[in-house]
Protein backbone atom coordinates (compact mmCIF):
# COMPACT_ATOMS: atom_id res chain seq x y z
CA MET A 1 -3.86 3.27 -22.11
CA ILE A 2 -2.20 6.60 -21.39
CA GLN A 3 1.01 7.58 -23.13
CA GLY A 4 3.07 10.29 -21.47
CA VAL A 5 6.30 11.97 -22.35
CA ASN A 6 8.56 9.46 -20.58
CA HIS A 7 6.35 6.47 -19.77
CA ARG A 8 3.47 4.45 -21.10
CA VAL A 9 0.85 3.70 -18.47
CA VAL A 10 -1.79 0.97 -18.45
CA GLU A 11 -4.75 1.55 -16.14
CA VAL A 12 -7.10 -1.26 -15.16
CA THR A 13 -10.27 0.40 -13.87
CA LYS A 14 -12.35 -2.60 -12.79
CA PRO A 15 -10.04 -5.39 -11.64
CA GLU A 16 -11.57 -8.71 -10.60
CA CYS A 17 -10.15 -8.24 -7.10
CA ASP A 18 -12.61 -6.72 -4.63
CA TYR A 19 -9.92 -4.83 -2.72
CA PHE A 20 -8.90 -2.41 -5.48
CA GLU A 21 -10.88 0.12 -7.46
CA ARG A 22 -8.17 0.92 -9.98
CA VAL A 23 -4.68 -0.40 -10.71
CA ILE A 24 -2.03 1.58 -12.60
CA PHE A 25 0.96 -0.07 -14.31
CA PHE A 26 3.99 1.79 -15.64
CA VAL A 27 5.41 0.05 -18.72
CA LYS A 28 9.18 -0.34 -18.92
CA PRO A 29 10.71 1.54 -21.86
CA GLU A 30 12.03 -1.67 -23.46
CA PHE A 31 8.44 -2.98 -23.71
CA SER A 32 6.88 0.18 -25.09
CA ALA A 33 6.71 -1.38 -28.57
CA VAL A 34 4.35 -4.14 -27.35
CA SER A 35 0.79 -3.72 -28.58
CA GLU A 36 -1.76 -1.96 -26.41
CA GLY A 37 -4.06 -4.99 -26.37
CA THR A 38 -1.32 -7.29 -25.10
CA LEU A 39 -0.36 -4.84 -22.36
CA LYS A 40 -3.98 -4.40 -21.25
CA GLU A 41 -4.57 -8.15 -21.23
CA ARG A 42 -1.46 -8.85 -19.15
CA ALA A 43 -2.23 -5.98 -16.77
CA SER A 44 -5.78 -7.29 -16.26
CA GLU A 45 -4.43 -10.77 -15.46
CA ILE A 46 -2.00 -9.40 -12.88
CA ALA A 47 -4.62 -7.11 -11.33
CA GLY A 48 -7.05 -10.03 -11.09
CA ASP A 49 -4.47 -12.17 -9.29
CA ALA A 50 -3.96 -9.53 -6.61
CA GLY A 51 -5.75 -10.46 -3.44
CA ALA A 52 -6.05 -9.41 0.14
CA PRO A 53 -2.86 -8.95 2.11
CA PRO A 54 -1.82 -12.12 3.91
CA PRO A 55 -3.20 -12.43 7.45
CA THR A 56 0.30 -12.36 8.91
CA LYS A 57 0.82 -8.84 7.55
CA LEU A 58 -2.44 -7.67 9.13
CA ARG A 59 -1.57 -9.30 12.43
CA GLN A 60 1.91 -7.76 12.40
CA SER A 61 0.54 -4.27 11.77
CA ARG A 62 -1.93 -4.64 14.65
CA MET A 63 0.81 -5.81 16.98
CA LEU A 64 3.01 -2.90 15.93
CA LEU A 65 0.17 -0.45 16.59
CA ALA A 66 -0.45 -1.96 20.03
CA ALA A 67 3.26 -1.73 20.87
CA ARG A 68 3.39 1.92 19.79
CA LEU A 69 0.33 2.80 21.86
CA LEU A 70 1.80 1.03 24.89
CA CYS A 71 5.09 2.92 24.54
CA ALA A 72 3.25 6.23 24.18
CA ALA A 73 1.20 5.51 27.31
CA MET A 74 4.33 4.58 29.28
CA PHE A 75 6.08 7.74 28.12
CA GLY A 76 3.08 9.85 29.10
CA ALA A 77 2.97 8.23 32.54
CA ALA A 78 6.70 8.84 33.05
CA VAL A 79 6.32 12.51 32.12
CA ALA A 80 3.38 12.84 34.52
CA VAL A 81 5.43 11.31 37.37
CA ILE A 82 8.38 13.62 36.68
CA ILE A 83 6.17 16.70 36.56
CA GLY A 84 4.38 15.60 39.74
CA ARG A 85 7.66 15.31 41.65
CA PHE A 86 8.85 18.76 40.64
CA ALA A 87 5.47 20.42 41.27
CA ALA A 88 5.22 19.09 44.83
């Protein structure tokens, strides 16, 4: 555990979850008196429960990316048409 000037920090370096290499928790000031072992144990439990993002989040981000690319392509085509009309 790392103790700074304003915050106590608990770092879990090898969580059970395959998606994360390291997890950092900032301890609230009102819980700074809790023992280091208790904080590490609770932080390890929470880090182990973390899993992959839900599939709906992944699907939504892919759809958003596709929509952005489509808008960019349409904008580029519109600019090309406008430039073509003025150049002719």
